[in-house]
């Protein structure tokens, strides 16, 4: 089982290493409204410490750093070292670069002590994990966020109603099983199964596919 997970992580790493130089050019505009929804639900406050799991090229890290200010801090992890390098280039241009750090890491095995953060977010990342691992990643996010803190996750929605675009996507995903083709997930149910407190949800789109953005509470 562990070797299968490592193999999956390796495929993701290689895929996003290749995508890193062109990722923003391809997906920045289509991701903006998802990031805005995630930030509006998370509501980072000045002085807080926030984690971005699956930080990609670092665009959200910079937005977060502006909200937590000079007294706060933001940390990002991404499975792709090339994405981390892209993020470091963006961070160098930020208003408070010393408050932001980024490093390679796996959302299922976060390199932080318990209760390290006031809040965490993960956008367009958890649906990339193997089936059965999303709940484990949610528990790991909850582990590193303080009791009473909050988590926001944006992921490809397992639409209740039949969505023709989603049907086409699922067909394409089976024909072309690229690592960056995530699977739709029932995010609210998975959060409950992980012992967390799903609260407010928003529905957005990414390249015409349905995206759930969910605020999740960490139990006291």
N, C-alpha and C. Protein backbone atom coordinates (compact mmCIF):
# COMPACT_ATOMS: atom_id res chain seq x y z
N UNK A 1 0.82 -1.21 0.00
CA UNK A 1 0.00 0.00 0.00
C UNK A 1 0.86 1.26 0.00
N UNK A 2 1.88 1.27 0.88
CA UNK A 2 2.76 2.44 0.95
C UNK A 2 3.48 2.67 -0.37
N UNK A 3 3.90 1.58 -1.03
CA UNK A 3 4.60 1.73 -2.30
C UNK A 3 3.67 2.28 -3.37
N UNK A 4 2.38 1.89 -3.34
CA UNK A 4 1.41 2.44 -4.29
C UNK A 4 1.23 3.93 -4.09
N UNK A 5 1.16 4.37 -2.82
CA UNK A 5 1.01 5.79 -2.53
C UNK A 5 2.23 6.57 -2.98
N UNK A 6 3.41 6.01 -2.75
CA UNK A 6 4.63 6.67 -3.17
C UNK A 6 4.71 6.77 -4.69
N UNK A 7 4.23 5.73 -5.38
CA UNK A 7 4.23 5.75 -6.84
C UNK A 7 3.30 6.84 -7.36
N UNK A 8 2.12 6.96 -6.73
CA UNK A 8 1.17 8.00 -7.12
C UNK A 8 1.78 9.38 -6.89
N UNK A 9 2.40 9.57 -5.73
CA UNK A 9 3.04 10.85 -5.44
C UNK A 9 4.13 11.15 -6.46
N UNK A 10 4.86 10.13 -6.87
CA UNK A 10 5.90 10.32 -7.88
C UNK A 10 5.33 10.76 -9.21
N UNK A 11 4.21 10.18 -9.61
CA UNK A 11 3.58 10.59 -10.87
C UNK A 11 3.09 12.03 -10.79
N UNK A 12 2.48 12.39 -9.67
CA UNK A 12 2.03 13.77 -9.49
C UNK A 12 3.21 14.74 -9.55
N UNK A 13 4.28 14.36 -8.86
CA UNK A 13 5.47 15.22 -8.81
C UNK A 13 6.01 15.45 -10.23
N UNK A 14 6.16 14.38 -10.98
CA UNK A 14 6.69 14.51 -12.34
C UNK A 14 5.76 15.33 -13.24
N UNK A 15 4.46 15.09 -13.11
CA UNK A 15 3.49 15.80 -13.95
C UNK A 15 3.52 17.30 -13.68
N UNK A 16 3.50 17.66 -12.40
CA UNK A 16 3.46 19.09 -12.07
C UNK A 16 4.82 19.75 -12.22
N UNK A 17 5.90 18.99 -12.15
CA UNK A 17 7.20 19.55 -12.51
C UNK A 17 7.20 20.01 -13.97
N UNK A 18 6.56 19.22 -14.83
CA UNK A 18 6.47 19.59 -16.24
C UNK A 18 5.54 20.78 -16.46
N UNK A 19 4.45 20.83 -15.70
CA UNK A 19 3.46 21.90 -15.86
C UNK A 19 3.90 23.23 -15.26
N UNK A 20 4.80 23.18 -14.29
CA UNK A 20 5.12 24.37 -13.49
C UNK A 20 5.43 25.63 -14.31
N UNK A 21 6.28 25.54 -15.36
CA UNK A 21 6.64 26.77 -16.08
C UNK A 21 5.45 27.43 -16.80
N UNK A 22 4.42 26.66 -17.12
CA UNK A 22 3.30 27.22 -17.89
C UNK A 22 1.98 27.19 -17.11
N UNK A 23 2.02 26.77 -15.84
CA UNK A 23 0.79 26.57 -15.09
C UNK A 23 -0.03 27.86 -14.99
N UNK A 24 0.60 28.96 -14.61
CA UNK A 24 -0.15 30.22 -14.47
C UNK A 24 -0.71 30.68 -15.80
N UNK A 25 0.05 30.52 -16.85
CA UNK A 25 -0.41 30.93 -18.18
C UNK A 25 -1.67 30.15 -18.58
N UNK A 26 -1.73 28.87 -18.19
CA UNK A 26 -2.86 28.02 -18.57
C UNK A 26 -4.05 28.19 -17.63
N UNK A 27 -3.80 28.36 -16.33
CA UNK A 27 -4.89 28.20 -15.36
C UNK A 27 -5.12 29.39 -14.44
N UNK A 28 -4.27 30.42 -14.49
CA UNK A 28 -4.40 31.52 -13.52
C UNK A 28 -5.77 32.18 -13.58
N UNK A 29 -6.22 32.56 -14.77
CA UNK A 29 -7.48 33.29 -14.91
C UNK A 29 -8.66 32.42 -14.48
N UNK A 30 -8.63 31.14 -14.87
CA UNK A 30 -9.75 30.25 -14.52
C UNK A 30 -9.77 29.89 -13.04
N UNK A 31 -8.67 30.12 -12.33
CA UNK A 31 -8.61 29.79 -10.90
C UNK A 31 -9.00 30.96 -10.00
N UNK A 32 -9.01 32.17 -10.53
CA UNK A 32 -9.14 33.35 -9.68
C UNK A 32 -10.41 33.34 -8.83
N UNK A 33 -11.56 33.02 -9.42
CA UNK A 33 -12.79 33.09 -8.62
C UNK A 33 -12.84 32.00 -7.56
N UNK A 34 -12.13 30.88 -7.79
CA UNK A 34 -12.04 29.83 -6.76
C UNK A 34 -11.21 30.34 -5.59
N UNK A 35 -10.07 30.98 -5.89
CA UNK A 35 -9.22 31.52 -4.83
C UNK A 35 -9.96 32.60 -4.04
N UNK A 36 -10.69 33.47 -4.74
CA UNK A 36 -11.45 34.52 -4.05
C UNK A 36 -12.48 33.93 -3.11
N UNK A 37 -13.18 32.88 -3.55
CA UNK A 37 -14.16 32.22 -2.70
C UNK A 37 -13.48 31.59 -1.49
N UNK A 38 -12.34 30.95 -1.71
CA UNK A 38 -11.61 30.30 -0.60
C UNK A 38 -11.17 31.33 0.43
N UNK A 39 -10.66 32.46 -0.01
CA UNK A 39 -10.21 33.50 0.92
C UNK A 39 -11.38 34.11 1.67
N UNK A 40 -12.52 34.27 0.99
CA UNK A 40 -13.68 34.87 1.66
C UNK A 40 -14.23 33.95 2.75
N UNK A 41 -14.09 32.64 2.58
CA UNK A 41 -14.54 31.70 3.59
C UNK A 41 -13.52 31.56 4.73
N UNK A 42 -12.24 31.54 4.39
CA UNK A 42 -11.20 31.38 5.41
C UNK A 42 -11.08 32.62 6.30
N UNK A 43 -11.21 33.81 5.68
CA UNK A 43 -11.11 35.09 6.39
C UNK A 43 -9.85 35.18 7.27
N UNK A 44 -8.68 35.10 6.64
CA UNK A 44 -7.44 35.23 7.43
C UNK A 44 -7.38 36.59 8.13
N UNK A 45 -6.89 36.59 9.36
CA UNK A 45 -6.80 37.81 10.16
C UNK A 45 -5.34 38.19 10.36
N UNK A 46 -5.13 39.48 10.63
CA UNK A 46 -3.77 39.95 10.89
C UNK A 46 -3.15 39.18 12.05
N UNK A 47 -1.90 38.81 11.84
CA UNK A 47 -1.15 38.12 12.88
C UNK A 47 -1.32 36.61 12.89
N UNK A 48 -2.18 36.06 12.03
CA UNK A 48 -2.40 34.62 12.04
C UNK A 48 -1.32 33.88 11.24
N UNK A 49 -1.22 32.59 11.53
CA UNK A 49 -0.34 31.70 10.78
C UNK A 49 -1.21 30.77 9.95
N UNK A 50 -1.01 30.78 8.64
CA UNK A 50 -1.88 30.06 7.70
C UNK A 50 -1.05 29.13 6.83
N UNK A 51 -1.61 27.95 6.56
CA UNK A 51 -0.98 26.95 5.69
C UNK A 51 -1.74 26.85 4.38
N UNK A 52 -1.00 26.76 3.28
CA UNK A 52 -1.58 26.43 1.97
C UNK A 52 -0.98 25.10 1.54
N UNK A 53 -1.81 24.05 1.57
CA UNK A 53 -1.36 22.70 1.20
C UNK A 53 -1.70 22.45 -0.27
N UNK A 54 -0.64 22.33 -1.08
CA UNK A 54 -0.81 22.27 -2.52
C UNK A 54 -0.74 23.67 -3.09
N UNK A 55 0.31 24.40 -2.71
CA UNK A 55 0.38 25.85 -2.98
C UNK A 55 0.70 26.18 -4.42
N UNK A 56 1.13 25.21 -5.21
CA UNK A 56 1.39 25.48 -6.62
C UNK A 56 2.42 26.58 -6.81
N UNK A 57 2.10 27.54 -7.67
CA UNK A 57 3.04 28.61 -8.01
C UNK A 57 3.03 29.76 -7.02
N UNK A 58 2.28 29.63 -5.94
CA UNK A 58 2.39 30.59 -4.85
C UNK A 58 1.48 31.79 -4.91
N UNK A 59 0.55 31.84 -5.85
CA UNK A 59 -0.32 33.01 -5.96
C UNK A 59 -1.15 33.22 -4.69
N UNK A 60 -1.69 32.13 -4.16
CA UNK A 60 -2.49 32.25 -2.93
C UNK A 60 -1.63 32.61 -1.73
N UNK A 61 -0.39 32.15 -1.71
CA UNK A 61 0.50 32.49 -0.60
C UNK A 61 0.66 34.00 -0.48
N UNK A 62 0.80 34.66 -1.62
CA UNK A 62 0.99 36.10 -1.62
C UNK A 62 -0.28 36.81 -1.15
N UNK A 63 -1.44 36.35 -1.65
CA UNK A 63 -2.71 36.94 -1.21
C UNK A 63 -2.91 36.75 0.29
N UNK A 64 -2.56 35.56 0.79
CA UNK A 64 -2.67 35.30 2.22
C UNK A 64 -1.74 36.20 3.03
N UNK A 65 -0.52 36.39 2.53
CA UNK A 65 0.45 37.20 3.27
C UNK A 65 -0.03 38.65 3.39
N UNK A 66 -0.73 39.15 2.40
CA UNK A 66 -1.26 40.50 2.46
C UNK A 66 -2.34 40.62 3.53
N UNK A 67 -3.07 39.54 3.77
CA UNK A 67 -4.16 39.55 4.74
C UNK A 67 -3.66 39.36 6.17
N UNK A 68 -2.64 38.51 6.37
CA UNK A 68 -2.14 38.30 7.73
C UNK A 68 -1.14 39.36 8.15
N UNK A 69 -0.58 40.09 7.18
CA UNK A 69 0.29 41.21 7.47
C UNK A 69 1.66 40.82 7.99
N UNK A 70 2.40 41.84 8.39
CA UNK A 70 3.79 41.65 8.80
C UNK A 70 3.92 40.84 10.09
N UNK A 71 2.88 40.82 10.92
CA UNK A 71 2.93 40.07 12.17
C UNK A 71 2.48 38.62 12.00
N UNK A 72 1.93 38.29 10.85
CA UNK A 72 1.51 36.93 10.58
C UNK A 72 2.53 36.18 9.76
N UNK A 73 2.20 34.94 9.40
CA UNK A 73 3.09 34.15 8.55
C UNK A 73 2.27 33.17 7.73
N UNK A 74 2.82 32.80 6.60
CA UNK A 74 2.16 31.90 5.66
C UNK A 74 3.16 30.84 5.23
N UNK A 75 2.73 29.59 5.25
CA UNK A 75 3.60 28.50 4.81
C UNK A 75 2.89 27.72 3.72
N UNK A 76 3.65 27.31 2.71
CA UNK A 76 3.10 26.52 1.63
C UNK A 76 3.88 25.24 1.43
N UNK A 77 3.17 24.19 1.07
CA UNK A 77 3.81 22.94 0.68
C UNK A 77 3.22 22.49 -0.65
N UNK A 78 4.04 21.85 -1.44
CA UNK A 78 3.57 21.31 -2.71
C UNK A 78 4.41 20.08 -3.04
N UNK A 79 3.77 19.09 -3.65
CA UNK A 79 4.47 17.85 -3.96
C UNK A 79 5.52 18.05 -5.05
N UNK A 80 5.40 19.14 -5.81
CA UNK A 80 6.30 19.39 -6.93
C UNK A 80 7.39 20.40 -6.57
N UNK A 81 8.67 19.99 -6.56
CA UNK A 81 9.74 20.95 -6.31
C UNK A 81 9.77 22.09 -7.34
N UNK A 82 9.40 21.79 -8.59
CA UNK A 82 9.39 22.84 -9.61
C UNK A 82 8.32 23.88 -9.31
N UNK A 83 7.17 23.46 -8.81
CA UNK A 83 6.14 24.41 -8.39
C UNK A 83 6.65 25.26 -7.24
N UNK A 84 7.35 24.64 -6.30
CA UNK A 84 7.91 25.40 -5.17
C UNK A 84 8.90 26.46 -5.66
N UNK A 85 9.69 26.12 -6.66
CA UNK A 85 10.64 27.11 -7.19
C UNK A 85 9.90 28.27 -7.86
N UNK A 86 8.82 27.96 -8.58
CA UNK A 86 8.01 29.02 -9.17
C UNK A 86 7.44 29.91 -8.06
N UNK A 87 6.97 29.27 -6.99
CA UNK A 87 6.41 30.04 -5.87
C UNK A 87 7.46 30.94 -5.24
N UNK A 88 8.67 30.46 -5.10
CA UNK A 88 9.74 31.27 -4.51
C UNK A 88 10.00 32.53 -5.34
N UNK A 89 9.89 32.41 -6.66
CA UNK A 89 10.06 33.59 -7.52
C UNK A 89 8.95 34.60 -7.27
N UNK A 90 7.73 34.12 -7.09
CA UNK A 90 6.62 35.02 -6.80
C UNK A 90 6.78 35.66 -5.42
N UNK A 91 7.21 34.86 -4.45
CA UNK A 91 7.35 35.34 -3.07
C UNK A 91 8.38 36.47 -3.00
N UNK A 92 9.43 36.39 -3.80
CA UNK A 92 10.47 37.43 -3.78
C UNK A 92 9.91 38.80 -4.12
N UNK A 93 8.76 38.84 -4.81
CA UNK A 93 8.15 40.11 -5.22
C UNK A 93 7.07 40.57 -4.24
N UNK A 94 6.79 39.80 -3.20
CA UNK A 94 5.70 40.11 -2.27
C UNK A 94 6.09 41.25 -1.33
N UNK A 95 5.07 41.86 -0.71
CA UNK A 95 5.31 42.98 0.21
C UNK A 95 6.03 42.51 1.47
N UNK A 96 5.73 41.29 1.93
CA UNK A 96 6.35 40.76 3.15
C UNK A 96 6.95 39.38 2.86
N UNK A 97 7.99 39.32 2.03
CA UNK A 97 8.53 38.01 1.64
C UNK A 97 9.07 37.20 2.81
N UNK A 98 9.55 37.87 3.85
CA UNK A 98 10.12 37.12 4.98
C UNK A 98 9.04 36.39 5.78
N UNK A 99 7.77 36.76 5.58
CA UNK A 99 6.67 36.11 6.29
C UNK A 99 6.15 34.88 5.56
N UNK A 100 6.71 34.59 4.38
CA UNK A 100 6.22 33.49 3.56
C UNK A 100 7.33 32.46 3.37
N UNK A 101 7.00 31.20 3.54
CA UNK A 101 7.95 30.13 3.24
C UNK A 101 7.24 29.03 2.47
N UNK A 102 8.01 28.31 1.69
CA UNK A 102 7.45 27.23 0.87
C UNK A 102 8.46 26.10 0.79
N UNK A 103 7.95 24.87 0.75
CA UNK A 103 8.84 23.71 0.69
C UNK A 103 8.09 22.54 0.06
N UNK A 104 8.82 21.61 -0.57
CA UNK A 104 8.16 20.39 -1.07
C UNK A 104 7.54 19.62 0.09
N UNK A 105 6.36 19.08 -0.14
CA UNK A 105 5.69 18.32 0.90
C UNK A 105 4.43 17.66 0.38
N UNK A 106 3.95 16.68 1.12
CA UNK A 106 2.79 15.87 0.76
C UNK A 106 1.66 16.19 1.72
N UNK A 107 0.49 16.49 1.19
CA UNK A 107 -0.66 16.85 2.04
C UNK A 107 -1.05 15.72 2.98
N UNK A 108 -0.64 14.50 2.67
CA UNK A 108 -0.98 13.37 3.54
C UNK A 108 0.00 13.19 4.68
N UNK A 109 1.15 13.86 4.59
CA UNK A 109 2.19 13.74 5.62
C UNK A 109 2.83 15.13 5.80
N UNK A 110 2.10 16.03 6.41
CA UNK A 110 2.57 17.40 6.52
C UNK A 110 3.71 17.52 7.54
N UNK A 111 4.75 18.27 7.21
CA UNK A 111 5.94 18.34 8.07
C UNK A 111 5.84 19.40 9.16
N UNK A 112 4.72 19.40 9.91
CA UNK A 112 4.51 20.40 10.94
C UNK A 112 3.99 19.73 12.21
N UNK A 113 4.30 20.30 13.37
CA UNK A 113 3.75 19.78 14.63
C UNK A 113 2.23 20.01 14.71
N UNK A 114 1.60 19.33 15.64
CA UNK A 114 0.17 19.53 15.88
C UNK A 114 -0.12 20.99 16.21
N UNK A 115 -1.31 21.45 15.75
CA UNK A 115 -1.82 22.78 16.12
C UNK A 115 -0.84 23.90 15.78
N UNK A 116 -0.18 23.80 14.64
CA UNK A 116 0.80 24.82 14.25
C UNK A 116 0.17 26.06 13.62
N UNK A 117 -1.07 25.93 13.11
CA UNK A 117 -1.66 27.00 12.31
C UNK A 117 -3.04 27.41 12.86
N UNK A 118 -3.39 28.66 12.58
CA UNK A 118 -4.74 29.13 12.88
C UNK A 118 -5.73 28.67 11.82
N UNK A 119 -5.27 28.49 10.61
CA UNK A 119 -6.14 28.05 9.53
C UNK A 119 -5.33 27.45 8.41
N UNK A 120 -6.02 26.74 7.54
CA UNK A 120 -5.35 26.11 6.40
C UNK A 120 -6.30 26.10 5.22
N UNK A 121 -5.74 26.11 4.04
CA UNK A 121 -6.56 25.90 2.85
C UNK A 121 -5.84 24.98 1.88
N UNK A 122 -6.63 24.38 1.02
CA UNK A 122 -6.09 23.50 -0.01
C UNK A 122 -7.01 23.61 -1.21
N UNK A 123 -6.50 24.15 -2.30
CA UNK A 123 -7.32 24.42 -3.49
C UNK A 123 -6.88 23.54 -4.66
N UNK A 124 -7.83 22.79 -5.20
CA UNK A 124 -7.61 21.96 -6.39
C UNK A 124 -6.44 21.00 -6.18
N UNK A 125 -6.44 20.36 -5.02
CA UNK A 125 -5.35 19.45 -4.65
C UNK A 125 -5.86 18.09 -4.19
N UNK A 126 -6.82 18.06 -3.27
CA UNK A 126 -7.21 16.81 -2.65
C UNK A 126 -7.85 15.83 -3.63
N UNK A 127 -8.45 16.34 -4.70
CA UNK A 127 -9.04 15.43 -5.70
C UNK A 127 -7.98 14.68 -6.50
N UNK A 128 -6.72 15.10 -6.37
CA UNK A 128 -5.63 14.41 -7.07
C UNK A 128 -5.15 13.17 -6.32
N UNK A 129 -5.56 13.04 -5.07
CA UNK A 129 -5.08 11.92 -4.24
C UNK A 129 -5.80 10.63 -4.62
N UNK A 130 -5.16 9.49 -4.35
CA UNK A 130 -5.82 8.20 -4.62
C UNK A 130 -7.10 8.05 -3.80
N UNK A 131 -8.02 7.29 -4.33
CA UNK A 131 -9.26 7.04 -3.62
C UNK A 131 -8.96 6.47 -2.23
N UNK A 132 -9.62 7.01 -1.22
CA UNK A 132 -9.37 6.57 0.15
C UNK A 132 -8.36 7.42 0.89
N UNK A 133 -7.63 8.30 0.17
CA UNK A 133 -6.60 9.11 0.81
C UNK A 133 -7.05 10.54 1.11
N UNK A 134 -8.18 10.95 0.51
CA UNK A 134 -8.65 12.32 0.74
C UNK A 134 -9.01 12.54 2.20
N UNK A 135 -9.70 11.57 2.77
CA UNK A 135 -10.09 11.68 4.18
C UNK A 135 -8.84 11.75 5.08
N UNK A 136 -7.82 10.96 4.74
CA UNK A 136 -6.58 11.00 5.51
C UNK A 136 -5.93 12.38 5.41
N UNK A 137 -5.97 12.99 4.23
CA UNK A 137 -5.39 14.33 4.06
C UNK A 137 -6.18 15.36 4.86
N UNK A 138 -7.51 15.22 4.90
CA UNK A 138 -8.32 16.14 5.70
C UNK A 138 -7.96 16.02 7.18
N UNK A 139 -7.77 14.79 7.65
CA UNK A 139 -7.37 14.59 9.05
C UNK A 139 -6.00 15.22 9.32
N UNK A 140 -5.11 15.12 8.34
CA UNK A 140 -3.78 15.68 8.50
C UNK A 140 -3.84 17.21 8.55
N UNK A 141 -4.68 17.82 7.72
CA UNK A 141 -4.89 19.26 7.79
C UNK A 141 -5.42 19.65 9.17
N UNK A 142 -6.40 18.87 9.65
CA UNK A 142 -6.97 19.17 10.97
C UNK A 142 -5.92 19.01 12.08
N UNK A 143 -5.01 18.07 11.91
CA UNK A 143 -3.98 17.86 12.94
C UNK A 143 -3.10 19.09 13.11
N UNK A 144 -2.76 19.74 12.00
CA UNK A 144 -1.81 20.85 12.09
C UNK A 144 -2.50 22.19 12.35
N UNK A 145 -3.85 22.21 12.33
CA UNK A 145 -4.60 23.42 12.66
C UNK A 145 -5.05 23.33 14.12
N UNK A 146 -4.99 24.44 14.81
CA UNK A 146 -5.36 24.44 16.24
C UNK A 146 -6.84 24.08 16.42
N UNK A 147 -7.21 23.51 17.57
CA UNK A 147 -8.62 23.27 17.86
C UNK A 147 -9.42 24.57 17.78
N UNK A 148 -10.56 24.50 17.13
CA UNK A 148 -11.36 25.69 16.91
C UNK A 148 -10.96 26.48 15.69
N UNK A 149 -9.89 26.05 15.00
CA UNK A 149 -9.45 26.73 13.78
C UNK A 149 -10.32 26.34 12.60
N UNK A 150 -9.92 26.76 11.42
CA UNK A 150 -10.74 26.48 10.25
C UNK A 150 -9.89 26.08 9.06
N UNK A 151 -10.53 25.30 8.21
CA UNK A 151 -9.92 24.79 6.99
C UNK A 151 -10.85 25.11 5.83
N UNK A 152 -10.30 25.52 4.71
CA UNK A 152 -11.09 25.69 3.49
C UNK A 152 -10.50 24.80 2.41
N UNK A 153 -11.35 24.01 1.79
CA UNK A 153 -10.93 23.12 0.70
C UNK A 153 -11.76 23.44 -0.53
N UNK A 154 -11.09 23.57 -1.67
CA UNK A 154 -11.77 23.70 -2.96
C UNK A 154 -11.40 22.47 -3.79
N UNK A 155 -12.40 21.76 -4.27
CA UNK A 155 -12.12 20.52 -5.00
C UNK A 155 -13.18 20.27 -6.06
N UNK A 156 -12.82 19.43 -7.01
CA UNK A 156 -13.74 19.03 -8.06
C UNK A 156 -14.95 18.36 -7.44
N UNK A 157 -16.14 18.90 -7.73
CA UNK A 157 -17.35 18.45 -7.04
C UNK A 157 -17.88 17.15 -7.61
N UNK A 158 -18.35 16.31 -6.71
CA UNK A 158 -19.12 15.13 -7.09
C UNK A 158 -20.56 15.59 -7.21
N UNK A 159 -20.91 16.16 -8.36
CA UNK A 159 -22.20 16.86 -8.53
C UNK A 159 -23.37 15.91 -8.29
N UNK A 160 -24.34 16.38 -7.49
CA UNK A 160 -25.54 15.57 -7.22
C UNK A 160 -26.38 15.44 -8.47
N UNK A 161 -26.57 16.55 -9.17
CA UNK A 161 -27.31 16.52 -10.42
C UNK A 161 -26.37 16.11 -11.55
N UNK A 162 -26.93 15.54 -12.60
CA UNK A 162 -26.11 15.10 -13.73
C UNK A 162 -25.55 16.33 -14.43
N UNK A 163 -24.27 16.40 -14.54
CA UNK A 163 -23.58 17.52 -15.17
C UNK A 163 -22.89 16.99 -16.42
N UNK A 164 -23.38 17.45 -17.57
CA UNK A 164 -22.86 16.91 -18.83
C UNK A 164 -21.36 17.15 -18.98
N UNK A 165 -20.92 18.34 -18.58
CA UNK A 165 -19.49 18.65 -18.68
C UNK A 165 -18.68 17.70 -17.80
N UNK A 166 -19.21 17.40 -16.61
CA UNK A 166 -18.53 16.47 -15.71
C UNK A 166 -18.50 15.06 -16.29
N UNK A 167 -19.57 14.67 -16.98
CA UNK A 167 -19.59 13.37 -17.64
C UNK A 167 -18.50 13.28 -18.70
N UNK A 168 -18.37 14.32 -19.51
CA UNK A 168 -17.31 14.35 -20.53
C UNK A 168 -15.94 14.26 -19.88
N UNK A 169 -15.77 15.00 -18.77
CA UNK A 169 -14.49 14.99 -18.07
C UNK A 169 -14.15 13.59 -17.56
N UNK A 170 -15.14 12.93 -16.94
CA UNK A 170 -14.90 11.58 -16.41
C UNK A 170 -14.51 10.62 -17.53
N UNK A 171 -15.14 10.75 -18.69
CA UNK A 171 -14.78 9.92 -19.83
C UNK A 171 -13.35 10.20 -20.26
N UNK A 172 -13.00 11.47 -20.35
CA UNK A 172 -11.64 11.85 -20.74
C UNK A 172 -10.63 11.33 -19.74
N UNK A 173 -10.98 11.40 -18.45
CA UNK A 173 -10.07 10.95 -17.40
C UNK A 173 -9.78 9.46 -17.51
N UNK A 174 -10.75 8.68 -17.97
CA UNK A 174 -10.55 7.25 -18.13
C UNK A 174 -9.74 6.93 -19.38
N UNK A 175 -9.93 7.73 -20.42
CA UNK A 175 -9.20 7.49 -21.66
C UNK A 175 -7.75 7.95 -21.54
N UNK A 176 -7.55 9.12 -20.89
CA UNK A 176 -6.22 9.72 -20.74
C UNK A 176 -5.93 9.88 -19.25
N UNK A 177 -5.46 8.83 -18.61
CA UNK A 177 -5.30 8.86 -17.15
C UNK A 177 -4.08 9.63 -16.68
N UNK A 178 -4.01 10.93 -17.06
CA UNK A 178 -2.90 11.76 -16.61
C UNK A 178 -3.03 12.01 -15.11
N UNK A 179 -1.91 12.17 -14.44
CA UNK A 179 -1.92 12.34 -12.99
C UNK A 179 -2.64 13.60 -12.56
N UNK A 180 -2.64 14.64 -13.43
CA UNK A 180 -3.26 15.90 -13.02
C UNK A 180 -4.78 15.90 -13.24
N UNK A 181 -5.34 14.82 -13.73
CA UNK A 181 -6.79 14.69 -13.84
C UNK A 181 -7.33 14.14 -12.51
N UNK A 182 -7.82 15.01 -11.65
CA UNK A 182 -8.36 14.57 -10.38
C UNK A 182 -9.75 13.96 -10.54
N UNK A 183 -10.17 13.25 -9.50
CA UNK A 183 -11.50 12.63 -9.54
C UNK A 183 -12.46 13.46 -8.71
N UNK A 184 -13.72 13.57 -9.13
CA UNK A 184 -14.71 14.29 -8.31
C UNK A 184 -14.84 13.63 -6.95
N UNK A 185 -14.98 14.46 -5.90
CA UNK A 185 -15.10 13.93 -4.55
C UNK A 185 -16.29 14.56 -3.83
N UNK A 186 -16.91 13.78 -2.93
CA UNK A 186 -18.02 14.26 -2.11
C UNK A 186 -17.42 14.92 -0.86
N UNK A 187 -17.06 16.17 -0.99
CA UNK A 187 -16.22 16.84 0.01
C UNK A 187 -16.91 16.95 1.37
N UNK A 188 -18.17 17.34 1.39
CA UNK A 188 -18.87 17.51 2.68
C UNK A 188 -18.94 16.18 3.43
N UNK A 189 -19.27 15.11 2.73
CA UNK A 189 -19.35 13.80 3.38
C UNK A 189 -17.99 13.36 3.90
N UNK A 190 -16.94 13.56 3.10
CA UNK A 190 -15.60 13.17 3.53
C UNK A 190 -15.14 13.95 4.76
N UNK A 191 -15.51 15.23 4.81
CA UNK A 191 -15.16 16.03 5.99
C UNK A 191 -15.85 15.49 7.24
N UNK A 192 -17.12 15.14 7.10
CA UNK A 192 -17.84 14.55 8.25
C UNK A 192 -17.21 13.23 8.66
N UNK A 193 -16.87 12.39 7.67
CA UNK A 193 -16.26 11.09 7.97
C UNK A 193 -14.92 11.24 8.67
N UNK A 194 -14.24 12.36 8.42
CA UNK A 194 -12.95 12.62 9.05
C UNK A 194 -13.11 13.22 10.45
N UNK A 195 -14.36 13.35 10.92
CA UNK A 195 -14.61 13.90 12.25
C UNK A 195 -14.57 15.40 12.31
N UNK A 196 -14.69 16.07 11.15
CA UNK A 196 -14.63 17.53 11.09
C UNK A 196 -16.04 18.12 10.96
N UNK A 197 -16.11 19.43 10.89
CA UNK A 197 -17.40 20.14 10.94
C UNK A 197 -17.61 20.94 9.66
N UNK A 198 -18.17 20.33 8.60
CA UNK A 198 -18.43 21.08 7.37
C UNK A 198 -19.47 22.17 7.61
N UNK A 199 -19.19 23.36 7.14
CA UNK A 199 -20.07 24.50 7.42
C UNK A 199 -20.59 25.13 6.13
N UNK A 200 -19.97 26.19 5.69
CA UNK A 200 -20.49 26.94 4.54
C UNK A 200 -19.85 26.43 3.25
N UNK A 201 -20.66 26.25 2.23
CA UNK A 201 -20.16 25.78 0.93
C UNK A 201 -20.53 26.78 -0.17
N UNK A 202 -19.64 26.93 -1.12
CA UNK A 202 -19.90 27.72 -2.33
C UNK A 202 -19.65 26.83 -3.53
N UNK A 203 -20.33 27.08 -4.62
CA UNK A 203 -20.09 26.36 -5.87
C UNK A 203 -19.48 27.33 -6.89
N UNK A 204 -18.35 26.96 -7.44
CA UNK A 204 -17.69 27.74 -8.47
C UNK A 204 -17.39 26.83 -9.65
N UNK A 205 -16.72 27.36 -10.68
CA UNK A 205 -16.35 26.55 -11.84
C UNK A 205 -14.88 26.70 -12.14
N UNK A 206 -14.30 25.63 -12.66
CA UNK A 206 -12.92 25.64 -13.14
C UNK A 206 -12.93 24.98 -14.51
N UNK A 207 -12.68 25.77 -15.54
CA UNK A 207 -12.74 25.26 -16.91
C UNK A 207 -14.07 24.54 -17.17
N UNK A 208 -15.15 25.17 -16.66
CA UNK A 208 -16.54 24.72 -16.83
C UNK A 208 -16.88 23.46 -16.04
N UNK A 209 -15.99 23.04 -15.15
CA UNK A 209 -16.26 21.91 -14.27
C UNK A 209 -16.69 22.44 -12.89
N UNK A 210 -17.63 21.74 -12.21
CA UNK A 210 -18.12 22.23 -10.91
C UNK A 210 -17.08 22.03 -9.81
N UNK A 211 -16.88 23.09 -9.03
CA UNK A 211 -15.93 23.08 -7.92
C UNK A 211 -16.67 23.43 -6.64
N UNK A 212 -16.52 22.60 -5.61
CA UNK A 212 -17.04 22.92 -4.29
C UNK A 212 -15.95 23.61 -3.47
N UNK A 213 -16.31 24.72 -2.83
CA UNK A 213 -15.42 25.41 -1.92
C UNK A 213 -16.08 25.34 -0.55
N UNK A 214 -15.46 24.65 0.39
CA UNK A 214 -16.11 24.33 1.65
C UNK A 214 -15.30 24.83 2.85
N UNK A 215 -15.98 25.54 3.75
CA UNK A 215 -15.41 25.92 5.03
C UNK A 215 -15.64 24.78 6.02
N UNK A 216 -14.57 24.34 6.67
CA UNK A 216 -14.63 23.21 7.60
C UNK A 216 -14.08 23.64 8.95
N UNK A 217 -14.83 23.36 10.01
CA UNK A 217 -14.36 23.68 11.35
C UNK A 217 -13.57 22.53 11.96
N UNK A 218 -12.55 22.87 12.73
CA UNK A 218 -11.79 21.88 13.49
C UNK A 218 -12.38 21.84 14.89
N UNK A 219 -12.82 20.68 15.36
CA UNK A 219 -13.45 20.60 16.69
C UNK A 219 -12.53 21.13 17.80
N UNK A 220 -13.16 21.73 18.81
CA UNK A 220 -12.41 22.24 19.98
C UNK A 220 -11.81 21.06 20.76
